[in-house]
Amino acid sequence: MCWSKAKWRQGAFTYRFSGVKFINSSKRIFVLKKGIYWDLDGSLTGVANSYTTWADKHNWHKDTCTLHNALENQEPDLTMMPAAPQHDSGGIDPSSSIFHVLQSPGALIHSRRNFSFITCLTPIRKFEIAYPEPFRVYLRQLNITNPDTQLTQTVEYEELEVFGWTFPVVANSRIEIMLNLVGLDFEEGAIRYGFSDLLSMKQREAMTAGQPVSPECFQLIVKSWSALNHYKLMAPDYEMVGTRRGADAAMKAKQQLAALKEPLTDVSLLSSPQNLPTLAHGMSNPETWSVTFRFPLSDTSLPMEQEPLSARFQARRCPDTGCTLGLPDMDFFWNHSIPWSIYFGSASAVLNQHLVINASDCVLFDMDGEVSIKNLTVFGKLSFDDSKDRTLQTDNIIVWGVLEVGTPQAPYGAQTGAVARIRLRGSVYDTQTYVYIEEQTLHNKLIAVAGEVNTFGSPVPDPWLWLESTIDKGATSACVQPSSGKVTWPAGSEVVFAPTEYDQPNSDVESRFLSSPAAWDGGRQCWLLKWTQGLSNRRFAGEFPSATTIMSHYVHSLQESIGLWFFSQSQ
């Protein structure tokens, strides 16, 4: 596979091996992007007809799978947080394991599997959840839980090929899924178990050998935060068919959508998925819906070309006849906030630490002095207390949930004049502080937002001002024309001059710091601004309508209007 965003395969593909030989190499497997390695004769892993992949926690089945650790050759800590620093050994992999792993000491690895792998005698199949709705689920993480072990793996959204989530699952098992953000539920999505080509091949080989096809079943359990009325299931999903088979096959599949899969009348049968036909589904309670996939198919099923193990589900809050009472919109909700000082402790206790705010928690940043941490992952919510100035310094912040500074009803600092500052430090050359999500790097020194960032502050009059007259190269002062009266920019404010020469507009943008407060010039009837270092280029004023400079009160206006500064502090 190519290490390229444009050509990146989204994972959980199956690769078959037989007759493999290794010469002067103790390393045999380098797993990337959830690849599934099917060893037909044991020449790859030493176990014939076995399947090997990353040891996702929901796939840990002691009765059918063997677990390996590439570095320590012992069972890893399966209770480890999904976002934590990578193994600290660094350098070349010193173990005698057949697995090779990339290492980057100190990096932040999301959804990491602690360099552990599983080899299973039961088939491992690809499972897909594609084209989910509502739009707010895009880029969200998905929690996958094994209901028998209660172990949970968190996986990332794949935006290129799948437009959803794809991951390996062990046949003859069941999983529960739930979006990793409080209050956000699935409303619709396409699902598919396995590759139809591989399953067809399994059936052909069994028939050729005169043997019965060994059955497989898999149960998907969808959990919701809110109570739902019912689910609709339509099969097959014509978009999944069209992706593999083309437009004609997709149109034939679309015709099948008129026949909905009716839910089970006896929901107690859901507890024994191995006895259910494929795509049997139902709700065991208003927050839990299950659907079963089974192979081989019955004689009356669609041909494999029609992707009979694919379907599209829709979650409904109301009966088909409509709701007699209005239902509230889905929203993120937290019952109360927990002060940072209680949730994480003192500034010294978290110095240079990797911190995580859980999805169920809302944390209020209430620290008086500057707090310096290594990095922060927000699955829940982080807000800032505006009774005083607040400063948070970090290498990076990953926002899966909500980062909030002020609200429309209570703008930050509107009553207190307080300022919230987030300082990002680091260098692009410092690879040890990079952020990785599903083995892909976002580099460092960033706020990566898959969730929401909301900032509201008291408004500032005249954040943009027009030059009263053209100023030449080398100018250290200018008169500006306010629209709302007095200009209150103090000394030290940073002002930005927009370009008026269009050959190099980006490089023509300049900023300067005021050497004194803005002052009224009665003779010219304008507000006079002064700075020390002369401008590199002239700036046209209003007499040239096609090329007019707008002067922006940059940093000071940000301070008062949104109460949040983003600093880039180089090392």
Protein backbone atom coordinates (compact mmCIF):
# COMPACT_ATOMS: atom_id res chain seq x y z
CA MET A 1 0.00 0.00 0.00
CA CYS A 2 1.14 3.57 -0.56
CA TRP A 3 2.03 5.94 2.26
CA SER A 4 0.04 8.69 0.61
CA LYS A 5 -3.12 10.49 1.70
CA ALA A 6 -4.40 10.45 -1.87
CA LYS A 7 -3.88 6.68 -2.23
CA TRP A 8 -4.39 5.63 1.36
CA ARG A 9 -6.43 2.46 1.76
CA GLN A 10 -8.68 2.78 4.75
CA GLY A 11 -7.81 -0.52 6.33
CA ALA A 12 -9.19 -3.92 7.34
CA PHE A 13 -8.33 -5.45 3.97
CA THR A 14 -7.51 -9.16 3.91
CA TYR A 15 -4.20 -10.42 2.47
CA ARG A 16 -3.72 -14.16 1.79
CA PHE A 17 -0.31 -15.82 2.20
CA SER A 18 1.06 -19.29 1.45
CA GLY A 19 4.52 -20.70 0.73
CA VAL A 20 6.24 -17.66 2.26
CA LYS A 21 9.99 -17.91 3.02
CA PHE A 22 12.16 -15.53 5.06
CA ILE A 23 15.94 -15.40 4.77
CA ASN A 24 18.05 -13.67 7.46
CA SER A 25 15.01 -11.89 8.85
CA SER A 26 13.34 -12.37 12.20
CA LYS A 27 10.61 -9.86 11.31
CA ARG A 28 7.73 -11.10 9.23
CA ILE A 29 4.73 -8.83 9.74
CA PHE A 30 4.44 -5.04 9.72
CA VAL A 31 0.76 -4.23 10.30
CA LEU A 32 -0.53 -0.96 8.84
CA LYS A 33 -4.06 0.42 8.95
CA LYS A 34 -5.74 -2.63 10.49
CA GLY A 35 -4.62 -5.10 7.80
CA ILE A 36 -5.86 -8.72 8.16
CA TYR A 37 -3.25 -11.41 7.33
CA TRP A 38 -4.70 -14.80 6.38
CA ASP A 39 -2.01 -17.49 6.69
CA LEU A 40 -3.17 -20.43 4.58
CA ASP A 41 -0.37 -22.89 5.36
CA GLY A 42 1.38 -21.54 8.45
CA SER A 43 4.40 -20.20 6.56
CA LEU A 44 3.77 -16.66 7.85
CA THR A 45 2.76 -17.06 11.48
CA GLY A 46 3.35 -20.74 12.15
CA VAL A 47 -0.38 -21.42 12.46
CA ALA A 48 -2.13 -22.78 9.38
CA ASN A 49 -5.46 -21.26 8.30
CA SER A 50 -5.14 -18.48 10.87
CA TYR A 51 -5.88 -14.76 10.81
CA THR A 52 -3.63 -12.06 12.32
CA THR A 53 -4.22 -8.34 12.88
CA TRP A 54 -3.88 -5.60 15.48
CA ALA A 55 -5.22 -6.62 18.89
CA ASP A 56 -8.22 -4.34 19.11
CA LYS A 57 -9.74 -4.76 22.56
CA HIS A 58 -13.17 -5.75 21.28
CA ASN A 59 -11.57 -8.69 19.41
CA TRP A 60 -9.85 -10.28 22.40
CA HIS A 61 -11.34 -13.80 22.59
CA LYS A 62 -9.16 -16.09 24.69
CA ASP A 63 -10.82 -19.27 23.45
CA THR A 64 -10.02 -18.72 19.75
CA CYS A 65 -7.24 -16.10 19.63
CA THR A 66 -3.63 -15.87 20.84
CA LEU A 67 -2.37 -12.45 21.88
CA HIS A 68 1.21 -11.27 21.21
CA ASN A 69 3.19 -8.19 22.25
CA ALA A 70 5.85 -7.15 19.78
CA LEU A 71 8.14 -5.48 22.30
CA GLU A 72 7.66 -7.28 25.57
CA ASN A 73 6.36 -10.70 24.47
CA GLN A 74 3.73 -10.58 27.19
CA GLU A 75 0.10 -9.61 27.43
CA PRO A 76 -0.35 -5.80 27.26
CA ASP A 77 -2.46 -3.70 29.57
CA LEU A 78 -5.87 -3.92 27.88
CA THR A 79 -7.32 -1.26 30.20
CA MET A 80 -4.98 1.44 28.88
CA MET A 81 -6.46 4.78 27.86
CA PRO A 82 -6.98 5.19 24.08
CA ALA A 83 -4.75 8.30 23.99
CA ALA A 84 -1.39 7.94 25.74
CA PRO A 85 2.33 8.26 25.02
CA GLN A 86 3.79 5.51 22.89
CA HIS A 87 6.17 2.88 24.24
CA ASP A 88 9.28 4.63 25.55
CA SER A 89 11.95 2.13 24.43
CA GLY A 90 12.64 3.93 21.15
CA GLY A 91 15.11 3.03 18.42
CA ILE A 92 15.28 -0.31 16.65
CA ASP A 93 12.80 -2.97 17.75
CA PRO A 94 14.97 -5.17 20.04
CA SER A 95 12.49 -8.03 20.47
CA SER A 96 12.58 -11.46 18.88
CA SER A 97 8.95 -11.13 17.84
CA ILE A 98 7.92 -11.69 14.23
CA PHE A 99 6.07 -8.35 14.38
CA HIS A 100 7.80 -5.08 13.54
CA VAL A 101 6.52 -1.77 14.90
CA LEU A 102 7.29 1.88 14.25
CA GLN A 103 8.32 3.75 17.36
CA SER A 104 8.42 7.43 18.22
CA PRO A 105 9.14 7.95 21.92
CA GLY A 106 7.03 10.66 23.51
CA ALA A 107 4.56 10.96 20.61
CA LEU A 108 0.83 11.05 21.32
CA ILE A 109 -0.82 8.02 19.78
CA HIS A 110 -4.62 7.94 19.52
CA SER A 111 -6.40 4.58 19.38
CA ARG A 112 -3.09 2.82 19.78
CA ARG A 113 -3.03 -0.90 20.42
CA ASN A 114 0.11 -0.99 22.61
CA PHE A 115 2.01 -2.96 19.92
CA SER A 116 -0.14 -6.02 20.55
CA PHE A 117 -1.44 -8.41 17.89
CA ILE A 118 -3.82 -11.37 17.77
CA THR A 119 -3.72 -14.59 15.78
CA CYS A 120 -7.13 -16.29 15.59
CA LEU A 121 -8.33 -19.64 14.28
CA THR A 122 -11.76 -18.09 13.77
CA PRO A 123 -11.98 -15.89 10.64
CA ILE A 124 -11.38 -12.17 11.07
CA ARG A 125 -13.57 -10.11 8.77
CA LYS A 126 -13.78 -6.47 7.77
CA PHE A 127 -16.78 -4.58 9.13
CA GLU A 128 -17.87 -1.25 7.65
CA ILE A 129 -20.13 1.56 8.86
CA ALA A 130 -20.36 4.06 6.00
CA TYR A 131 -22.14 7.31 5.14
CA PRO A 132 -23.43 7.95 8.69
CA GLU A 133 -25.93 10.63 9.61
CA PRO A 134 -26.43 13.24 11.04
CA PHE A 135 -23.58 15.33 9.65
CA ARG A 136 -22.27 15.99 13.17
CA VAL A 137 -20.99 12.41 13.39
CA TYR A 138 -18.43 13.10 10.65
CA LEU A 139 -14.85 12.74 11.93
CA ARG A 140 -16.11 11.50 15.28
CA GLN A 141 -14.50 8.61 17.08
CA LEU A 142 -16.43 5.39 17.52
CA ASN A 143 -16.37 3.31 20.71
CA ILE A 144 -16.53 -0.45 20.08
CA THR A 145 -17.22 -2.63 23.12
CA ASN A 146 -17.15 -6.39 23.52
CA PRO A 147 -20.28 -7.00 25.65
CA ASP A 148 -18.83 -10.26 27.00
CA THR A 149 -15.53 -8.76 28.26
CA GLN A 150 -16.57 -5.07 28.51
CA LEU A 151 -13.29 -4.11 26.80
CA THR A 152 -13.62 -1.04 24.55
CA GLN A 153 -11.57 0.02 21.52
CA THR A 154 -11.86 3.53 20.09
CA VAL A 155 -11.39 3.91 16.31
CA GLU A 156 -11.14 6.96 14.09
CA TYR A 157 -13.38 8.15 11.26
CA GLU A 158 -12.01 7.35 7.78
CA GLU A 159 -12.86 10.24 5.47
CA LEU A 160 -11.29 9.11 2.17
CA GLU A 161 -12.53 5.71 1.06
CA VAL A 162 -15.16 4.60 3.55
CA PHE A 163 -16.64 7.87 4.83
CA GLY A 164 -17.24 6.23 8.17
CA TRP A 165 -15.49 3.55 10.19
CA THR A 166 -13.95 0.26 9.19
CA PHE A 167 -12.26 -2.26 11.46
CA PRO A 168 -11.56 -5.98 11.88
CA VAL A 169 -14.03 -8.16 13.79
CA VAL A 170 -13.80 -11.80 14.82
CA ALA A 171 -16.50 -14.06 13.36
CA ASN A 172 -19.00 -15.65 15.74
CA SER A 173 -18.83 -12.66 18.08
CA ARG A 174 -20.82 -9.53 18.84
CA ILE A 175 -19.93 -5.89 19.47
CA GLU A 176 -21.65 -2.77 20.80
CA ILE A 177 -20.99 0.58 19.13
CA MET A 178 -21.61 4.12 20.36
CA LEU A 179 -20.32 7.50 19.27
CA ASN A 180 -17.63 8.85 21.56
CA LEU A 181 -19.46 12.04 22.48
CA VAL A 182 -22.18 12.45 25.09
CA GLY A 183 -25.63 13.00 23.56
CA LEU A 184 -24.73 12.31 19.91
CA ASP A 185 -26.50 9.33 18.31
CA PHE A 186 -26.60 7.57 14.96
CA GLU A 187 -29.65 8.38 12.87
CA GLU A 188 -28.68 6.50 9.72
CA GLY A 189 -25.81 4.50 8.22
CA ALA A 190 -24.79 1.73 5.84
CA ILE A 191 -23.30 -1.45 7.31
CA ARG A 192 -21.58 -4.48 5.80
CA TYR A 193 -20.01 -7.66 7.16
CA GLY A 194 -17.01 -9.14 5.34
CA PHE A 195 -16.04 -9.23 1.67
CA SER A 196 -18.56 -11.03 -0.53
CA ASP A 197 -15.72 -12.30 -2.75
CA LEU A 198 -13.95 -14.02 0.15
CA LEU A 199 -17.16 -15.54 1.46
CA SER A 200 -18.08 -16.78 -2.03
CA MET A 201 -14.64 -18.36 -2.33
CA LYS A 202 -15.12 -20.06 1.04
CA GLN A 203 -18.39 -21.56 -0.18
CA ARG A 204 -16.90 -22.73 -3.52
CA GLU A 205 -13.91 -24.39 -1.85
CA ALA A 206 -16.18 -26.24 0.59
CA MET A 207 -18.37 -27.49 -2.25
CA THR A 208 -15.32 -28.61 -4.25
CA ALA A 209 -14.07 -30.57 -1.25
CA GLY A 210 -17.50 -32.03 -0.65
CA GLN A 211 -17.62 -30.49 2.80
CA PRO A 212 -20.30 -28.36 4.45
CA VAL A 213 -19.54 -24.65 4.76
CA SER A 214 -18.50 -23.78 8.29
CA PRO A 215 -21.08 -21.22 9.47
CA GLU A 216 -20.28 -17.70 10.61
CA CYS A 217 -22.44 -15.23 12.47
CA PHE A 218 -21.85 -11.73 13.76
CA GLN A 219 -24.08 -9.39 15.74
CA LEU A 220 -23.90 -5.59 15.72
CA ILE A 221 -25.48 -3.81 18.69
CA VAL A 222 -26.09 -0.07 18.32
CA LYS A 223 -26.42 1.85 21.58
CA SER A 224 -28.03 5.31 21.77
CA TRP A 225 -28.03 8.05 24.39
CA SER A 226 -31.67 8.92 23.81
CA ALA A 227 -34.73 6.67 23.75
CA LEU A 228 -35.81 5.75 20.20
CA ASN A 229 -39.10 4.39 18.90
CA HIS A 230 -37.93 1.96 16.21
CA TYR A 231 -35.35 1.19 13.51
CA LYS A 232 -35.86 0.55 9.83
CA LEU A 233 -33.51 -1.83 7.99
CA MET A 234 -33.23 -1.91 4.19
CA ALA A 235 -31.08 -4.42 2.32
CA PRO A 236 -28.92 -4.47 0.42
CA ASP A 237 -27.39 -1.02 0.57
CA TYR A 238 -27.24 0.03 -3.07
CA GLU A 239 -24.28 2.38 -2.55
CA MET A 240 -22.22 -0.52 -1.22
CA VAL A 241 -23.26 -2.57 -4.26
CA GLY A 242 -22.42 0.26 -6.63
CA THR A 243 -18.98 0.73 -5.14
CA ARG A 244 -18.05 -2.87 -5.99
CA ARG A 245 -20.25 -3.82 -8.92
CA GLY A 246 -21.08 -0.68 -10.91
CA ALA A 247 -24.14 1.43 -11.68
CA ASP A 248 -26.31 -1.34 -13.17
CA ALA A 249 -25.93 -3.59 -10.18
CA ALA A 250 -26.53 -0.65 -7.89
CA MET A 251 -29.85 0.13 -9.61
CA LYS A 252 -30.95 -3.50 -9.27
CA ALA A 253 -30.04 -3.39 -5.61
CA LYS A 254 -31.95 -0.15 -5.17
CA GLN A 255 -35.11 -1.90 -6.33
CA GLN A 256 -34.80 -4.21 -3.35
CA LEU A 257 -35.18 -1.29 -0.94
CA ALA A 258 -38.95 -1.45 -1.24
CA ALA A 259 -38.88 -4.69 0.80
CA LEU A 260 -37.89 -3.62 4.31
CA LYS A 261 -36.56 -6.17 6.76
CA GLU A 262 -39.26 -6.51 9.39
CA PRO A 263 -38.04 -6.56 13.01
CA LEU A 264 -38.33 -9.63 15.18
CA THR A 265 -41.55 -9.92 17.12
CA ASP A 266 -39.79 -11.92 19.84
CA VAL A 267 -36.81 -9.77 20.84
CA SER A 268 -35.61 -12.42 23.30
CA LEU A 269 -34.21 -14.27 20.26
CA LEU A 270 -31.58 -11.54 19.95
CA SER A 271 -29.68 -13.12 22.83
CA SER A 272 -28.87 -16.13 20.60
CA PRO A 273 -27.62 -14.59 17.33
CA GLN A 274 -26.14 -17.93 16.17
CA ASN A 275 -29.69 -19.20 15.70
CA LEU A 276 -30.98 -16.22 13.72
CA PRO A 277 -31.04 -15.69 9.94
CA THR A 278 -29.00 -12.95 8.36
CA LEU A 279 -30.23 -9.39 8.92
CA ALA A 280 -32.63 -10.40 11.69
CA HIS A 281 -32.97 -7.30 13.84
CA GLY A 282 -34.90 -5.73 16.70
CA MET A 283 -34.81 -3.50 19.77
CA SER A 284 -34.26 -5.07 23.19
CA ASN A 285 -34.94 -1.67 24.82
CA PRO A 286 -35.40 1.95 23.61
CA GLU A 287 -31.59 2.54 23.73
CA THR A 288 -30.44 -0.76 22.16
CA TRP A 289 -30.89 -2.13 18.63
CA SER A 290 -29.27 -5.31 17.27
CA VAL A 291 -28.81 -6.80 13.80
CA THR A 292 -27.35 -10.20 12.95
CA PHE A 293 -25.23 -11.25 9.94
CA ARG A 294 -25.05 -14.94 9.07
CA PHE A 295 -23.23 -17.02 6.46
CA PRO A 296 -23.86 -19.18 4.50
CA LEU A 297 -27.04 -17.57 3.25
CA SER A 298 -30.38 -19.26 2.74
CA ASP A 299 -31.43 -20.43 -0.72
CA THR A 300 -33.84 -17.50 -1.01
CA SER A 301 -31.20 -14.86 -0.38
CA LEU A 302 -29.85 -12.47 -2.96
CA PRO A 303 -26.73 -13.51 -4.92
CA MET A 304 -23.42 -12.39 -3.46
CA GLU A 305 -23.04 -9.85 -6.28
CA GLN A 306 -25.94 -7.98 -4.69
CA GLU A 307 -24.03 -7.67 -1.38
CA PRO A 308 -26.68 -9.46 0.73
CA LEU A 309 -24.59 -8.90 3.88
CA SER A 310 -24.97 -5.13 3.53
CA ALA A 311 -27.85 -2.95 4.67
CA ARG A 312 -28.84 0.58 5.59
CA PHE A 313 -30.47 1.36 8.92
CA GLN A 314 -32.48 4.36 10.03
CA ALA A 315 -33.19 5.23 13.65
CA ARG A 316 -36.62 6.77 14.27
CA ARG A 317 -37.74 8.69 17.33
CA CYS A 318 -41.38 8.68 16.34
CA PRO A 319 -43.78 6.02 15.05
CA ASP A 320 -44.47 6.10 11.32
CA THR A 321 -47.79 7.76 12.12
CA GLY A 322 -45.97 10.68 13.75
CA CYS A 323 -45.40 11.94 17.26
CA THR A 324 -48.23 13.38 19.32
CA LEU A 325 -45.76 15.20 21.56
CA GLY A 326 -42.79 17.26 20.51
CA LEU A 327 -39.37 15.76 21.20
CA PRO A 328 -36.31 17.91 21.99
CA ASP A 329 -33.46 18.20 19.53
CA MET A 330 -30.43 16.07 20.24
CA ASP A 331 -27.74 18.09 21.92
CA PHE A 332 -24.51 17.68 23.81
CA PHE A 333 -25.27 17.72 27.51
CA TRP A 334 -23.37 17.65 30.74
CA ASN A 335 -25.15 17.87 34.08
CA HIS A 336 -22.43 19.93 35.76
CA SER A 337 -18.85 21.10 35.34
CA ILE A 338 -15.84 20.00 37.38
CA PRO A 339 -13.14 22.59 38.18
CA TRP A 340 -9.80 21.86 36.53
CA SER A 341 -8.15 22.24 39.94
CA ILE A 342 -10.18 19.24 41.19
CA TYR A 343 -10.25 17.17 37.98
CA PHE A 344 -6.50 17.35 37.32
CA GLY A 345 -5.06 18.99 40.46
CA SER A 346 -2.41 21.67 40.83
CA ALA A 347 -0.25 23.11 38.05
CA SER A 348 2.78 21.24 39.38
CA ALA A 349 0.88 17.95 39.37
CA VAL A 350 0.17 18.17 35.62
CA LEU A 351 3.45 19.75 34.46
CA ASN A 352 4.37 18.26 31.06
CA GLN A 353 1.69 15.55 31.41
CA HIS A 354 -0.57 13.98 28.78
CA LEU A 355 -4.11 14.88 29.90
CA VAL A 356 -7.50 13.53 28.79
CA ILE A 357 -10.99 14.90 29.49
CA ASN A 358 -13.39 11.98 29.25
CA ALA A 359 -16.48 12.14 27.04
CA SER A 360 -18.82 12.19 30.03
CA ASP A 361 -17.07 15.12 31.75
CA CYS A 362 -17.22 18.91 31.48
CA VAL A 363 -14.14 20.61 32.95
CA LEU A 364 -13.98 24.32 33.89
CA PHE A 365 -10.47 25.81 33.65
CA ASP A 366 -10.14 27.77 36.90
CA MET A 367 -6.36 27.93 37.40
CA ASP A 368 -5.00 31.32 38.51
CA GLY A 369 -1.45 31.02 37.17
CA GLU A 370 -0.11 29.60 33.92
CA VAL A 371 -0.59 25.84 33.49
CA SER A 372 1.93 24.03 31.28
CA ILE A 373 1.11 20.51 30.09
CA LYS A 374 2.41 18.21 27.35
CA ASN A 375 -0.84 17.85 25.43
CA LEU A 376 -4.58 17.70 25.97
CA THR A 377 -7.26 15.48 24.43
CA VAL A 378 -10.84 16.70 24.90
CA PHE A 379 -13.43 13.98 24.43
CA GLY A 380 -15.95 15.83 26.62
CA LYS A 381 -15.98 19.59 27.15
CA LEU A 382 -13.45 22.22 28.29
CA SER A 383 -14.61 25.73 29.19
CA PHE A 384 -12.86 28.69 30.83
CA ASP A 385 -13.81 30.58 34.01
CA ASP A 386 -13.64 34.33 33.27
CA SER A 387 -13.40 35.62 36.83
CA LYS A 388 -9.63 36.06 36.20
CA ASP A 389 -7.12 35.85 33.35
CA ARG A 390 -6.43 32.21 32.36
CA THR A 391 -3.40 30.78 30.55
CA LEU A 392 -2.94 27.23 29.26
CA GLN A 393 0.33 26.23 27.55
CA THR A 394 0.67 22.97 25.64
CA ASP A 395 2.22 21.31 22.60
CA ASN A 396 -1.18 20.53 21.08
CA ILE A 397 -4.87 20.05 21.78
CA ILE A 398 -7.10 17.44 20.11
CA VAL A 399 -10.78 18.38 20.34
CA TRP A 400 -13.19 15.52 19.75
CA GLY A 401 -15.81 17.13 21.99
CA VAL A 402 -16.23 20.84 22.73
CA LEU A 403 -13.77 23.63 23.54
CA GLU A 404 -15.72 26.67 24.75
CA VAL A 405 -14.60 30.18 25.69
CA GLY A 406 -17.68 32.23 26.58
CA THR A 407 -21.23 31.83 25.29
CA PRO A 408 -23.63 34.12 23.39
CA GLN A 409 -25.50 34.69 26.65
CA ALA A 410 -22.32 35.27 28.71
CA PRO A 411 -19.45 36.51 26.49
CA TYR A 412 -16.04 35.80 27.95
CA GLY A 413 -14.67 38.73 29.95
CA ALA A 414 -17.68 40.94 29.25
CA GLN A 415 -18.12 41.68 32.95
CA THR A 416 -14.57 41.13 34.24
CA GLY A 417 -12.31 42.11 31.34
CA ALA A 418 -10.50 38.78 31.79
CA VAL A 419 -8.53 37.15 28.95
CA ALA A 420 -8.09 33.43 28.17
CA ARG A 421 -4.83 32.47 26.47
CA ILE A 422 -3.84 29.18 24.85
CA ARG A 423 -0.13 29.06 24.01
CA LEU A 424 1.13 26.39 21.63
CA ARG A 425 4.83 25.56 21.73
CA GLY A 426 7.08 23.38 19.63
CA SER A 427 8.80 23.13 16.28
CA VAL A 428 8.05 21.20 13.12
CA TYR A 429 11.46 19.56 13.50
CA ASP A 430 10.56 18.18 16.92
CA THR A 431 9.12 14.85 15.73
CA GLN A 432 8.89 13.49 19.27
CA THR A 433 5.92 15.75 19.97
CA TYR A 434 3.95 14.80 16.84
CA VAL A 435 0.32 13.75 17.09
CA TYR A 436 -0.75 10.52 15.38
CA ILE A 437 -4.30 9.38 14.64
CA GLU A 438 -4.61 5.88 13.20
CA GLU A 439 -0.90 5.83 12.30
CA GLN A 440 -1.16 9.12 10.36
CA THR A 441 0.57 12.23 11.66
CA LEU A 442 -0.98 15.66 12.20
CA HIS A 443 2.51 16.96 13.09
CA ASN A 444 2.57 19.12 16.22
CA LYS A 445 1.93 22.61 17.60
CA LEU A 446 -1.75 22.60 16.65
CA ILE A 447 -5.34 22.57 17.82
CA ALA A 448 -6.98 19.77 15.81
CA VAL A 449 -10.76 20.06 15.84
CA ALA A 450 -13.04 17.19 14.89
CA GLY A 451 -15.63 18.47 17.38
CA GLU A 452 -16.51 22.09 18.10
CA VAL A 453 -14.65 25.23 19.20
CA ASN A 454 -16.94 28.06 20.29
CA THR A 455 -15.62 31.47 21.37
CA PHE A 456 -17.70 34.49 22.35
CA GLY A 457 -16.44 37.76 23.81
CA SER A 458 -17.57 41.34 24.27
CA PRO A 459 -17.66 43.22 20.94
CA VAL A 460 -14.95 45.73 20.07
CA PRO A 461 -15.87 48.88 18.09
CA ASP A 462 -13.91 49.42 14.92
CA PRO A 463 -11.78 46.30 14.69
CA TRP A 464 -11.09 47.49 11.10
CA LEU A 465 -10.27 51.11 10.19
CA TRP A 466 -9.69 52.95 6.90
CA LEU A 467 -6.60 55.06 6.27
CA GLU A 468 -7.39 58.76 6.09
CA SER A 469 -4.71 59.26 3.40
CA THR A 470 -2.08 57.25 1.54
CA ILE A 471 1.12 56.56 3.51
CA ASP A 472 4.51 55.98 1.87
CA LYS A 473 7.17 53.37 2.34
CA GLY A 474 9.03 53.97 5.60
CA ALA A 475 6.05 55.65 7.30
CA THR A 476 5.89 55.44 11.11
CA SER A 477 2.48 57.01 11.60
CA ALA A 478 -0.93 57.18 9.98
CA CYS A 479 -4.31 58.80 10.48
CA VAL A 480 -7.36 56.54 10.53
CA GLN A 481 -11.07 57.15 10.14
CA PRO A 482 -13.22 55.59 12.86
CA SER A 483 -16.86 54.81 12.27
CA SER A 484 -18.08 54.71 15.85
CA GLY A 485 -16.27 57.53 17.62
CA LYS A 486 -13.27 57.24 19.93
CA VAL A 487 -10.40 54.87 19.08
CA THR A 488 -9.18 53.22 22.29
CA TRP A 489 -6.23 51.18 21.02
CA PRO A 490 -3.53 51.35 23.72
CA ALA A 491 0.27 51.34 23.33
CA GLY A 492 1.56 47.86 22.54
CA SER A 493 -1.42 46.93 20.38
CA GLU A 494 -0.48 45.11 17.21
CA VAL A 495 -1.99 46.55 14.02
CA VAL A 496 -2.01 44.85 10.62
CA PHE A 497 -1.80 46.66 7.27
CA ALA A 498 -3.62 44.96 4.40
CA PRO A 499 -1.89 44.96 0.98
CA THR A 500 -2.74 47.39 -1.82
CA GLU A 501 -0.11 46.21 -4.33
CA TYR A 502 -1.32 42.91 -5.75
CA ASP A 503 1.86 41.31 -7.12
CA GLN A 504 2.65 39.62 -3.81
CA PRO A 505 -0.42 40.15 -1.61
CA ASN A 506 0.59 37.67 1.07
CA SER A 507 4.10 39.02 1.56
CA ASP A 508 2.77 42.62 1.52
CA VAL A 509 0.79 42.12 4.72
CA GLU A 510 2.66 43.85 7.54
CA SER A 511 2.09 44.35 11.26
CA ARG A 512 3.50 46.86 13.72
CA PHE A 513 3.15 47.53 17.46
CA LEU A 514 1.86 50.93 18.55
CA SER A 515 4.48 52.99 20.41
CA SER A 516 1.81 55.17 22.05
CA PRO A 517 -1.98 55.13 22.51
CA ALA A 518 -4.18 56.30 19.66
CA ALA A 519 -4.56 60.12 19.89
CA TRP A 520 -7.01 62.56 18.34
CA ASP A 521 -5.48 64.92 15.71
CA GLY A 522 -7.77 67.95 15.76
CA GLY A 523 -6.13 69.60 12.72
CA ARG A 524 -6.64 66.60 10.45
CA GLN A 525 -9.84 65.44 12.18
CA CYS A 526 -8.64 61.85 12.53
CA TRP A 527 -7.07 59.48 15.04
CA LEU A 528 -3.28 59.34 14.89
CA LEU A 529 -1.45 56.01 15.27
CA LYS A 530 2.34 55.81 15.74
CA TRP A 531 4.83 52.94 15.56
CA THR A 532 8.63 52.75 15.45
CA GLN A 533 9.69 50.57 12.51
CA GLY A 534 8.88 52.05 9.10
CA LEU A 535 6.63 50.19 6.65
CA SER A 536 8.22 48.21 3.81
CA ASN A 537 5.64 49.30 1.22
CA ARG A 538 3.30 52.22 0.64
CA ARG A 539 -0.39 51.87 1.43
CA PHE A 540 -3.12 53.50 -0.59
CA ALA A 541 -6.11 55.13 1.09
CA GLY A 542 -9.69 55.79 0.00
CA GLU A 543 -8.86 57.97 -3.00
CA PHE A 544 -7.99 54.79 -4.89
CA PRO A 545 -11.21 52.74 -4.69
CA SER A 546 -9.67 49.69 -6.35
CA ALA A 547 -6.72 49.54 -3.96
CA THR A 548 -7.56 50.66 -0.46
CA THR A 549 -5.82 49.65 2.74
CA ILE A 550 -7.85 48.41 5.67
CA MET A 551 -5.98 48.62 8.95
CA SER A 552 -6.80 45.84 11.38
CA HIS A 553 -6.46 46.19 15.12
CA TYR A 554 -5.27 42.60 15.23
CA VAL A 555 -4.22 41.21 18.59
CA HIS A 556 -5.91 43.76 20.82
CA SER A 557 -9.21 43.37 19.05
CA LEU A 558 -9.00 39.61 19.37
CA GLN A 559 -8.33 39.97 23.06
CA GLU A 560 -11.50 41.93 23.67
CA SER A 561 -13.78 40.43 21.05
CA ILE A 562 -13.31 36.70 21.61
CA GLY A 563 -11.11 36.55 24.69
CA LEU A 564 -8.79 33.92 23.18
CA TRP A 565 -5.25 34.23 21.89
CA PHE A 566 -3.52 31.53 19.90
CA PHE A 567 0.24 31.82 20.38
CA SER A 568 2.97 30.03 18.42
CA GLN A 569 6.00 29.96 20.67
CA SER A 570 9.02 28.56 18.77
CA GLN A 571 11.73 26.53 20.46
